[in-house]
Amino acid sequence: GSHASKLVARNEIRAYMGYFGLPHIYLTMNPNATHSPVFQVMVGD
């Protein structure tokens, strides 16, 4: 989350794009543990 780590990530993504071209998919994964039955089992329910 630091400014420096974000710069590193941006530079790595640019390097990937230079090698592979433009990405085909942009995806945000936001699993919600509170509403997940799997998480409830993981915590012992």
All heavy atoms as atom14 arrays in JSON, in Angstrom:
{
  "sequence": "GSHASKLVARNEIRAYMGYFGLPHIYLTMNPNATHSPVFQVMVGD",
  "atom14_mask": [
    [1, 1, 1, 1, 0, 0, 0, 0, 0, 0, 0, 0, 0, 0],
    [1, 1, 1, 1, 1, 1, 0, 0, 0, 0, 0, 0, 0, 0],
    [1, 1, 1, 1, 1, 1, 1, 1, 1, 1, 0, 0, 0, 0],
    [1, 1, 1, 1, 1, 0, 0, 0, 0, 0, 0, 0, 0, 0],
    [1, 1, 1, 1, 1, 1, 0, 0, 0, 0, 0, 0, 0, 0],
    [1, 1, 1, 1, 1, 1, 1, 1, 1, 0, 0, 0, 0, 0],
    [1, 1, 1, 1, 1, 1, 1, 1, 0, 0, 0, 0, 0, 0],
    [1, 1, 1, 1, 1, 1, 1, 0, 0, 0, 0, 0, 0, 0],
    [1, 1, 1, 1, 1, 0, 0, 0, 0, 0, 0, 0, 0, 0],
    [1, 1, 1, 1, 1, 1, 1, 1, 1, 1, 1, 0, 0, 0],
    [1, 1, 1, 1, 1, 1, 1, 1, 0, 0, 0, 0, 0, 0],
    [1, 1, 1, 1, 1, 1, 1, 1, 1, 0, 0, 0, 0, 0],
    [1, 1, 1, 1, 1, 1, 1, 1, 0, 0, 0, 0, 0, 0],
    [1, 1, 1, 1, 1, 1, 1, 1, 1, 1, 1, 0, 0, 0],
    [1, 1, 1, 1, 1, 0, 0, 0, 0, 0, 0, 0, 0, 0],
    [1, 1, 1, 1, 1, 1, 1, 1, 1, 1, 1, 1, 0, 0],
    [1, 1, 1, 1, 1, 1, 1, 1, 0, 0, 0, 0, 0, 0],
    [1, 1, 1, 1, 0, 0, 0, 0, 0, 0, 0, 0, 0, 0],
    [1, 1, 1, 1, 1, 1, 1, 1, 1, 1, 1, 1, 0, 0],
    [1, 1, 1, 1, 1, 1, 1, 1, 1, 1, 1, 0, 0, 0],
    [1, 1, 1, 1, 0, 0, 0, 0, 0, 0, 0, 0, 0, 0],
    [1, 1, 1, 1, 1, 1, 1, 1, 0, 0, 0, 0, 0, 0],
    [1, 1, 1, 1, 1, 1, 1, 0, 0, 0, 0, 0, 0, 0],
    [1, 1, 1, 1, 1, 1, 1, 1, 1, 1, 0, 0, 0, 0],
    [1, 1, 1, 1, 1, 1, 1, 1, 0, 0, 0, 0, 0, 0],
    [1, 1, 1, 1, 1, 1, 1, 1, 1, 1, 1, 1, 0, 0],
    [1, 1, 1, 1, 1, 1, 1, 1, 0, 0, 0, 0, 0, 0],
    [1, 1, 1, 1, 1, 1, 1, 0, 0, 0, 0, 0, 0, 0],
    [1, 1, 1, 1, 1, 1, 1, 1, 0, 0, 0, 0, 0, 0],
    [1, 1, 1, 1, 1, 1, 1, 1, 0, 0, 0, 0, 0, 0],
    [1, 1, 1, 1, 1, 1, 1, 0, 0, 0, 0, 0, 0, 0],
    [1, 1, 1, 1, 1, 1, 1, 1, 0, 0, 0, 0, 0, 0],
    [1, 1, 1, 1, 1, 0, 0, 0, 0, 0, 0, 0, 0, 0],
    [1, 1, 1, 1, 1, 1, 1, 0, 0, 0, 0, 0, 0, 0],
    [1, 1, 1, 1, 1, 1, 1, 1, 1, 1, 0, 0, 0, 0],
    [1, 1, 1, 1, 1, 1, 0, 0, 0, 0, 0, 0, 0, 0],
    [1, 1, 1, 1, 1, 1, 1, 0, 0, 0, 0, 0, 0, 0],
    [1, 1, 1, 1, 1, 1, 1, 0, 0, 0, 0, 0, 0, 0],
    [1, 1, 1, 1, 1, 1, 1, 1, 1, 1, 1, 0, 0, 0],
    [1, 1, 1, 1, 1, 1, 1, 1, 1, 0, 0, 0, 0, 0],
    [1, 1, 1, 1, 1, 1, 1, 0, 0, 0, 0, 0, 0, 0],
    [1, 1, 1, 1, 1, 1, 1, 1, 0, 0, 0, 0, 0, 0],
    [1, 1, 1, 1, 1, 1, 1, 0, 0, 0, 0, 0, 0, 0],
    [1, 1, 1, 1, 0, 0, 0, 0, 0, 0, 0, 0, 0, 0],
    [1, 1, 1, 1, 1, 1, 1, 1, 0, 0, 0, 0, 0, 0]
  ],
  "atom14_positions": [
    [[0.78, -1.23, 0.0], [0.0, 0.0, 0.0], [0.81, 1.28, 0.0], [0.26, 2.36, -0.15], [0.0, 0.0, 0.0], [0.0, 0.0, 0.0], [0.0, 0.0, 0.0], [0.0, 0.0, 0.0], [0.0, 0.0, 0.0], [0.0, 0.0, 0.0], [0.0, 0.0, 0.0], [0.0, 0.0, 0.0], [0.0, 0.0, 0.0], [0.0, 0.0, 0.0]],
    [[2.13, 1.17, 0.17], [2.95, 2.38, 0.17], [3.05, 2.94, -1.24], [2.82, 2.25, -2.23], [4.36, 2.07, 0.7], [5.07, 1.28, -0.23], [0.0, 0.0, 0.0], [0.0, 0.0, 0.0], [0.0, 0.0, 0.0], [0.0, 0.0, 0.0], [0.0, 0.0, 0.0], [0.0, 0.0, 0.0], [0.0, 0.0, 0.0], [0.0, 0.0, 0.0]],
    [[3.41, 4.21, -1.32], [3.57, 4.85, -2.63], [4.63, 4.1, -3.45], [4.44, 3.86, -4.65], [3.96, 6.32, -2.45], [4.14, 7.06, -3.72], [3.08, 7.35, -4.56], [5.25, 7.55, -4.33], [3.53, 8.0, -5.62], [4.84, 8.13, -5.5], [0.0, 0.0, 0.0], [0.0, 0.0, 0.0], [0.0, 0.0, 0.0], [0.0, 0.0, 0.0]],
    [[5.71, 3.69, -2.79], [6.79, 2.98, -3.49], [6.32, 1.63, -4.02], [6.66, 1.24, -5.14], [7.99, 2.8, -2.57], [0.0, 0.0, 0.0], [0.0, 0.0, 0.0], [0.0, 0.0, 0.0], [0.0, 0.0, 0.0], [0.0, 0.0, 0.0], [0.0, 0.0, 0.0], [0.0, 0.0, 0.0], [0.0, 0.0, 0.0], [0.0, 0.0, 0.0]],
    [[5.51, 0.9, -3.23], [5.03, -0.41, -3.7], [4.08, -0.25, -4.88], [4.07, -1.08, -5.8], [4.35, -1.19, -2.57], [3.1, -0.64, -2.24], [0.0, 0.0, 0.0], [0.0, 0.0, 0.0], [0.0, 0.0, 0.0], [0.0, 0.0, 0.0], [0.0, 0.0, 0.0], [0.0, 0.0, 0.0], [0.0, 0.0, 0.0], [0.0, 0.0, 0.0]],
    [[3.29, 0.83, -4.89], [2.4, 1.09, -6.02], [3.2, 1.41, -7.28], [2.84, 0.98, -8.38], [1.43, 2.21, -5.69], [0.39, 1.81, -4.66], [-0.51, 2.97, -4.3], [-1.49, 2.56, -3.21], [-2.37, 3.66, -2.81], [0.0, 0.0, 0.0], [0.0, 0.0, 0.0], [0.0, 0.0, 0.0], [0.0, 0.0, 0.0], [0.0, 0.0, 0.0]],
    [[4.28, 2.16, -7.12], [5.14, 2.46, -8.28], [5.77, 1.19, -8.84], [5.84, 1.01, -10.06], [6.24, 3.45, -7.88], [5.81, 4.9, -7.7], [6.98, 5.74, -7.18], [5.28, 5.48, -9.0], [0.0, 0.0, 0.0], [0.0, 0.0, 0.0], [0.0, 0.0, 0.0], [0.0, 0.0, 0.0], [0.0, 0.0, 0.0], [0.0, 0.0, 0.0]],
    [[6.2, 0.31, -7.96], [6.78, -0.96, -8.4], [5.74, -1.76, -9.19], [6.02, -2.27, -10.27], [7.31, -1.78, -7.2], [7.62, -3.21, -7.6], [8.54, -1.12, -6.61], [0.0, 0.0, 0.0], [0.0, 0.0, 0.0], [0.0, 0.0, 0.0], [0.0, 0.0, 0.0], [0.0, 0.0, 0.0], [0.0, 0.0, 0.0], [0.0, 0.0, 0.0]],
    [[4.52, -1.85, -8.66], [3.46, -2.6, -9.35], [3.16, -1.99, -10.71], [3.03, -2.71, -11.71], [2.19, -2.63, -8.49], [0.0, 0.0, 0.0], [0.0, 0.0, 0.0], [0.0, 0.0, 0.0], [0.0, 0.0, 0.0], [0.0, 0.0, 0.0], [0.0, 0.0, 0.0], [0.0, 0.0, 0.0], [0.0, 0.0, 0.0], [0.0, 0.0, 0.0]],
    [[3.04, -0.67, -10.78], [2.77, -0.02, -12.08], [3.88, -0.3, -13.08], [3.61, -0.57, -14.26], [2.6, 1.48, -11.88], [1.31, 1.86, -11.23], [1.15, 3.38, -11.17], [0.06, 3.7, -10.28], [0.18, 4.49, -9.22], [1.32, 5.06, -8.93], [-0.86, 4.72, -8.46], [0.0, 0.0, 0.0], [0.0, 0.0, 0.0], [0.0, 0.0, 0.0]],
    [[5.11, -0.24, -12.62], [6.23, -0.5, -13.53], [6.25, -1.96, -13.98], [6.56, -2.24, -15.14], [7.55, -0.11, -12.87], [7.72, 1.39, -12.77], [7.15, 2.14, -13.57], [8.47, 1.84, -11.79], [0.0, 0.0, 0.0], [0.0, 0.0, 0.0], [0.0, 0.0, 0.0], [0.0, 0.0, 0.0], [0.0, 0.0, 0.0], [0.0, 0.0, 0.0]],
    [[5.92, -2.88, -13.08], [5.86, -4.29, -13.48], [4.74, -4.53, -14.49], [4.93, -5.27, -15.46], [5.7, -5.18, -12.24], [6.95, -5.24, -11.4], [6.79, -6.05, -10.12], [5.64, -6.34, -9.71], [7.82, -6.36, -9.51], [0.0, 0.0, 0.0], [0.0, 0.0, 0.0], [0.0, 0.0, 0.0], [0.0, 0.0, 0.0], [0.0, 0.0, 0.0]],
    [[3.59, -3.9, -14.28], [2.48, -4.04, -15.23], [2.88, -3.46, -16.59], [2.6, -4.06, -17.63], [1.2, -3.39, -14.69], [0.67, -4.2, -13.5], [0.14, -3.28, -15.78], [-0.45, -3.51, -12.73], [0.0, 0.0, 0.0], [0.0, 0.0, 0.0], [0.0, 0.0, 0.0], [0.0, 0.0, 0.0], [0.0, 0.0, 0.0], [0.0, 0.0, 0.0]],
    [[3.55, -2.33, -16.6], [4.03, -1.76, -17.87], [4.99, -2.72, -18.57], [4.94, -2.86, -19.8], [4.71, -0.42, -17.63], [3.75, 0.7, -17.37], [4.47, 2.05, -17.32], [3.59, 3.04, -16.78], [3.68, 3.55, -15.56], [4.64, 3.17, -14.74], [2.83, 4.45, -15.14], [0.0, 0.0, 0.0], [0.0, 0.0, 0.0], [0.0, 0.0, 0.0]],
    [[5.83, -3.37, -17.8], [6.76, -4.35, -18.4], [5.99, -5.52, -19.0], [6.29, -5.98, -20.1], [7.76, -4.83, -17.35], [0.0, 0.0, 0.0], [0.0, 0.0, 0.0], [0.0, 0.0, 0.0], [0.0, 0.0, 0.0], [0.0, 0.0, 0.0], [0.0, 0.0, 0.0], [0.0, 0.0, 0.0], [0.0, 0.0, 0.0], [0.0, 0.0, 0.0]],
    [[4.99, -6.02, -18.28], [4.14, -7.09, -18.81], [3.47, -6.64, -20.11], [3.4, -7.38, -21.08], [3.06, -7.47, -17.8], [3.44, -8.57, -16.83], [4.5, -8.43, -15.94], [2.71, -9.75, -16.79], [4.82, -9.41, -15.05], [3.03, -10.75, -15.89], [4.09, -10.58, -15.02], [4.41, -11.57, -14.14], [0.0, 0.0, 0.0], [0.0, 0.0, 0.0]],
    [[2.95, -5.4, -20.11], [2.26, -4.9, -21.3], [3.24, -4.74, -22.46], [2.87, -4.97, -23.61], [1.56, -3.58, -20.99], [0.35, -3.76, -20.1], [-0.41, -2.24, -19.51], [-0.94, -1.5, -21.0], [0.0, 0.0, 0.0], [0.0, 0.0, 0.0], [0.0, 0.0, 0.0], [0.0, 0.0, 0.0], [0.0, 0.0, 0.0], [0.0, 0.0, 0.0]],
    [[4.46, -4.36, -22.17], [5.47, -4.27, -23.22], [5.76, -5.62, -23.84], [6.05, -5.73, -25.03], [0.0, 0.0, 0.0], [0.0, 0.0, 0.0], [0.0, 0.0, 0.0], [0.0, 0.0, 0.0], [0.0, 0.0, 0.0], [0.0, 0.0, 0.0], [0.0, 0.0, 0.0], [0.0, 0.0, 0.0], [0.0, 0.0, 0.0], [0.0, 0.0, 0.0]],
    [[5.67, -6.66, -23.05], [5.97, -8.02, -23.53], [4.74, -8.71, -24.11], [4.81, -9.31, -25.18], [6.55, -8.85, -22.38], [7.08, -10.19, -22.82], [8.31, -10.28, -23.46], [6.35, -11.34, -22.61], [8.81, -11.5, -23.88], [6.83, -12.58, -23.02], [8.07, -12.65, -23.65], [8.54, -13.86, -24.07], [0.0, 0.0, 0.0], [0.0, 0.0, 0.0]],
    [[3.59, -8.63, -23.42], [2.38, -9.37, -23.82], [1.37, -8.52, -24.59], [0.39, -9.05, -25.11], [1.68, -9.97, -22.6], [2.48, -10.99, -21.87], [2.96, -10.73, -20.6], [2.78, -12.21, -22.45], [3.71, -11.68, -19.91], [3.52, -13.16, -21.78], [3.98, -12.9, -20.51], [0.0, 0.0, 0.0], [0.0, 0.0, 0.0], [0.0, 0.0, 0.0]],
    [[1.54, -7.2, -24.64], [0.55, -6.32, -25.26], [-0.49, -5.9, -24.24], [-0.31, -6.07, -23.03], [0.0, 0.0, 0.0], [0.0, 0.0, 0.0], [0.0, 0.0, 0.0], [0.0, 0.0, 0.0], [0.0, 0.0, 0.0], [0.0, 0.0, 0.0], [0.0, 0.0, 0.0], [0.0, 0.0, 0.0], [0.0, 0.0, 0.0], [0.0, 0.0, 0.0]],
    [[-1.58, -5.32, -24.72], [-2.64, -4.87, -23.82], [-3.33, -6.07, -23.17], [-3.55, -7.09, -23.83], [-3.68, -4.06, -24.59], [-3.22, -2.7, -25.1], [-4.3, -2.07, -25.95], [-2.85, -1.79, -23.95], [0.0, 0.0, 0.0], [0.0, 0.0, 0.0], [0.0, 0.0, 0.0], [0.0, 0.0, 0.0], [0.0, 0.0, 0.0], [0.0, 0.0, 0.0]],
    [[-3.67, -5.96, -21.9], [-4.39, -7.06, -21.24], [-5.76, -7.27, -21.88], [-6.36, -6.33, -22.4], [-4.54, -6.59, -19.79], [-3.64, -5.43, -19.63], [-3.42, -4.85, -20.99], [0.0, 0.0, 0.0], [0.0, 0.0, 0.0], [0.0, 0.0, 0.0], [0.0, 0.0, 0.0], [0.0, 0.0, 0.0], [0.0, 0.0, 0.0], [0.0, 0.0, 0.0]],
    [[-6.24, -8.49, -21.82], [-7.55, -8.81, -22.38], [-8.65, -8.68, -21.33], [-9.81, -8.46, -21.68], [-7.54, -10.23, -22.95], [-6.55, -10.37, -24.05], [-5.38, -11.08, -23.9], [-6.52, -9.86, -25.3], [-4.69, -11.01, -25.02], [-5.37, -10.27, -25.88], [0.0, 0.0, 0.0], [0.0, 0.0, 0.0], [0.0, 0.0, 0.0], [0.0, 0.0, 0.0]],
    [[-8.3, -8.84, -20.07], [-9.29, -8.79, -19.0], [-8.76, -7.95, -17.85], [-7.6, -8.11, -17.43], [-9.63, -10.2, -18.48], [-10.2, -11.06, -19.61], [-10.6, -10.15, -17.3], [-10.33, -12.51, -19.26], [0.0, 0.0, 0.0], [0.0, 0.0, 0.0], [0.0, 0.0, 0.0], [0.0, 0.0, 0.0], [0.0, 0.0, 0.0], [0.0, 0.0, 0.0]],
    [[-9.61, -7.07, -17.34], [-9.33, -6.33, -16.11], [-10.36, -6.84, -15.1], [-11.56, -6.77, -15.35], [-9.51, -4.83, -16.32], [-8.54, -4.25, -17.31], [-8.78, -4.3, -18.68], [-7.36, -3.64, -16.87], [-7.89, -3.77, -19.59], [-6.47, -3.11, -17.78], [-6.73, -3.17, -19.14], [-5.84, -2.65, -20.03], [0.0, 0.0, 0.0], [0.0, 0.0, 0.0]],
    [[-9.9, -7.36, -13.97], [-10.8, -8.02, -13.03], [-10.53, -7.55, -11.61], [-9.38, -7.48, -11.18], [-10.58, -9.54, -13.11], [-11.3, -10.41, -12.09], [-12.79, -10.45, -12.41], [-10.73, -11.82, -12.11], [0.0, 0.0, 0.0], [0.0, 0.0, 0.0], [0.0, 0.0, 0.0], [0.0, 0.0, 0.0], [0.0, 0.0, 0.0], [0.0, 0.0, 0.0]],
    [[-11.61, -7.2, -10.9], [-11.5, -6.93, -9.46], [-12.22, -8.06, -8.75], [-13.38, -8.34, -9.03], [-12.14, -5.58, -9.1], [-11.4, -4.55, -9.74], [-12.1, -5.35, -7.59], [0.0, 0.0, 0.0], [0.0, 0.0, 0.0], [0.0, 0.0, 0.0], [0.0, 0.0, 0.0], [0.0, 0.0, 0.0], [0.0, 0.0, 0.0], [0.0, 0.0, 0.0]],
    [[-11.52, -8.71, -7.85], [-12.08, -9.84, -7.08], [-12.29, -9.35, -5.65], [-11.33, -8.96, -4.99], [-11.07, -10.99, -7.14], [-11.47, -12.19, -6.37], [-12.48, -13.23, -7.39], [-12.58, -14.64, -6.34], [0.0, 0.0, 0.0], [0.0, 0.0, 0.0], [0.0, 0.0, 0.0], [0.0, 0.0, 0.0], [0.0, 0.0, 0.0], [0.0, 0.0, 0.0]],
    [[-13.55, -9.35, -5.23], [-13.88, -8.81, -3.91], [-14.73, -9.83, -3.14], [-15.93, -9.62, -2.95], [-14.63, -7.48, -4.07], [-14.76, -6.72, -2.79], [-14.15, -7.06, -1.79], [-15.57, -5.69, -2.8], [0.0, 0.0, 0.0], [0.0, 0.0, 0.0], [0.0, 0.0, 0.0], [0.0, 0.0, 0.0], [0.0, 0.0, 0.0], [0.0, 0.0, 0.0]],
    [[-14.13, -10.95, -2.7], [-14.92, -11.95, -1.98], [-15.33, -11.42, -0.61], [-14.54, -10.85, 0.12], [-13.97, -13.14, -1.85], [-12.6, -12.57, -2.0], [-12.73, -11.34, -2.84], [0.0, 0.0, 0.0], [0.0, 0.0, 0.0], [0.0, 0.0, 0.0], [0.0, 0.0, 0.0], [0.0, 0.0, 0.0], [0.0, 0.0, 0.0], [0.0, 0.0, 0.0]],
    [[-16.59, -11.63, -0.26], [-17.12, -11.12, 1.0], [-17.22, -12.27, 2.0], [-18.12, -13.1, 1.92], [-18.49, -10.49, 0.76], [-18.99, -9.76, 1.98], [-18.75, -10.18, 3.11], [-19.68, -8.66, 1.76], [0.0, 0.0, 0.0], [0.0, 0.0, 0.0], [0.0, 0.0, 0.0], [0.0, 0.0, 0.0], [0.0, 0.0, 0.0], [0.0, 0.0, 0.0]],
    [[-16.3, -12.3, 2.93], [-16.25, -13.39, 3.91], [-17.49, -13.42, 4.81], [-17.96, -14.49, 5.18], [-14.99, -13.25, 4.76], [0.0, 0.0, 0.0], [0.0, 0.0, 0.0], [0.0, 0.0, 0.0], [0.0, 0.0, 0.0], [0.0, 0.0, 0.0], [0.0, 0.0, 0.0], [0.0, 0.0, 0.0], [0.0, 0.0, 0.0], [0.0, 0.0, 0.0]],
    [[-18.03, -12.26, 5.14], [-19.17, -12.21, 6.04], [-20.36, -13.01, 5.51], [-21.05, -13.68, 6.26], [-19.61, -10.75, 6.27], [-18.49, -10.0, 6.74], [-20.73, -10.67, 7.28], [0.0, 0.0, 0.0], [0.0, 0.0, 0.0], [0.0, 0.0, 0.0], [0.0, 0.0, 0.0], [0.0, 0.0, 0.0], [0.0, 0.0, 0.0], [0.0, 0.0, 0.0]],
    [[-20.58, -12.96, 4.2], [-21.75, -13.61, 3.61], [-21.42, -14.97, 3.0], [-22.3, -15.59, 2.42], [-22.37, -12.69, 2.56], [-22.79, -11.37, 3.12], [-23.75, -11.25, 4.1], [-22.36, -10.12, 2.87], [-23.91, -9.98, 4.41], [-23.07, -9.27, 3.68], [0.0, 0.0, 0.0], [0.0, 0.0, 0.0], [0.0, 0.0, 0.0], [0.0, 0.0, 0.0]],
    [[-20.19, -15.42, 3.14], [-19.79, -16.67, 2.51], [-19.99, -17.88, 3.43], [-19.42, -17.93, 4.52], [-18.32, -16.61, 2.1], [-17.89, -17.88, 1.69], [0.0, 0.0, 0.0], [0.0, 0.0, 0.0], [0.0, 0.0, 0.0], [0.0, 0.0, 0.0], [0.0, 0.0, 0.0], [0.0, 0.0, 0.0], [0.0, 0.0, 0.0], [0.0, 0.0, 0.0]],
    [[-20.75, -18.88, 2.96], [-20.86, -20.11, 3.74], [-19.51, -20.8, 3.9], [-19.24, -21.41, 4.94], [-21.82, -20.97, 2.92], [-22.51, -20.05, 1.99], [-21.6, -18.88, 1.78], [0.0, 0.0, 0.0], [0.0, 0.0, 0.0], [0.0, 0.0, 0.0], [0.0, 0.0, 0.0], [0.0, 0.0, 0.0], [0.0, 0.0, 0.0], [0.0, 0.0, 0.0]],
    [[-18.66, -20.71, 2.91], [-17.33, -21.33, 2.99], [-16.53, -20.73, 4.14], [-15.91, -21.45, 4.93], [-16.57, -21.18, 1.65], [-15.14, -21.67, 1.79], [-17.3, -21.93, 0.53], [0.0, 0.0, 0.0], [0.0, 0.0, 0.0], [0.0, 0.0, 0.0], [0.0, 0.0, 0.0], [0.0, 0.0, 0.0], [0.0, 0.0, 0.0], [0.0, 0.0, 0.0]],
    [[-16.56, -19.39, 4.27], [-15.84, -18.76, 5.37], [-16.42, -19.2, 6.71], [-15.67, -19.44, 7.66], [-15.89, -17.23, 5.26], [-15.23, -16.54, 6.43], [-13.86, -16.51, 6.54], [-15.99, -15.96, 7.43], [-13.24, -15.9, 7.63], [-15.39, -15.35, 8.52], [-14.0, -15.31, 8.62], [0.0, 0.0, 0.0], [0.0, 0.0, 0.0], [0.0, 0.0, 0.0]],
    [[-17.74, -19.32, 6.8], [-18.35, -19.72, 8.06], [-17.86, -21.12, 8.47], [-17.6, -21.38, 9.64], [-19.88, -19.67, 7.97], [-20.44, -18.3, 7.63], [-19.91, -17.19, 8.51], [-19.89, -17.28, 9.74], [-19.46, -16.11, 7.89], [0.0, 0.0, 0.0], [0.0, 0.0, 0.0], [0.0, 0.0, 0.0], [0.0, 0.0, 0.0], [0.0, 0.0, 0.0]],
    [[-17.7, -21.99, 7.49], [-17.15, -23.32, 7.79], [-15.68, -23.21, 8.2], [-15.23, -23.88, 9.13], [-17.32, -24.26, 6.57], [-16.54, -25.55, 6.75], [-18.8, -24.56, 6.33], [0.0, 0.0, 0.0], [0.0, 0.0, 0.0], [0.0, 0.0, 0.0], [0.0, 0.0, 0.0], [0.0, 0.0, 0.0], [0.0, 0.0, 0.0], [0.0, 0.0, 0.0]],
    [[-14.94, -22.32, 7.52], [-13.51, -22.15, 7.84], [-13.31, -21.69, 9.29], [-12.29, -22.02, 9.9], [-12.86, -21.15, 6.88], [-12.69, -21.7, 5.47], [-12.07, -20.46, 4.31], [-10.33, -20.45, 4.73], [0.0, 0.0, 0.0], [0.0, 0.0, 0.0], [0.0, 0.0, 0.0], [0.0, 0.0, 0.0], [0.0, 0.0, 0.0], [0.0, 0.0, 0.0]],
    [[-14.26, -20.91, 9.83], [-14.12, -20.44, 11.21], [-14.82, -21.35, 12.21], [-14.96, -21.0, 13.37], [-14.58, -18.97, 11.39], [-13.66, -18.02, 10.66], [-16.02, -18.78, 10.99], [0.0, 0.0, 0.0], [0.0, 0.0, 0.0], [0.0, 0.0, 0.0], [0.0, 0.0, 0.0], [0.0, 0.0, 0.0], [0.0, 0.0, 0.0], [0.0, 0.0, 0.0]],
    [[-15.27, -22.52, 11.75], [-15.75, -23.53, 12.68], [-17.23, -23.75, 12.78], [-17.67, -24.52, 13.64], [0.0, 0.0, 0.0], [0.0, 0.0, 0.0], [0.0, 0.0, 0.0], [0.0, 0.0, 0.0], [0.0, 0.0, 0.0], [0.0, 0.0, 0.0], [0.0, 0.0, 0.0], [0.0, 0.0, 0.0], [0.0, 0.0, 0.0], [0.0, 0.0, 0.0]],
    [[-18.05, -23.1, 11.96], [-19.5, -23.33, 12.03], [-19.8, -24.67, 11.36], [-19.79, -24.79, 10.14], [-20.25, -22.2, 11.32], [-21.76, -22.28, 11.55], [-22.26, -23.38, 11.89], [-22.43, -21.25, 11.38], [0.0, 0.0, 0.0], [0.0, 0.0, 0.0], [0.0, 0.0, 0.0], [0.0, 0.0, 0.0], [0.0, 0.0, 0.0], [0.0, 0.0, 0.0]]
  ]
}
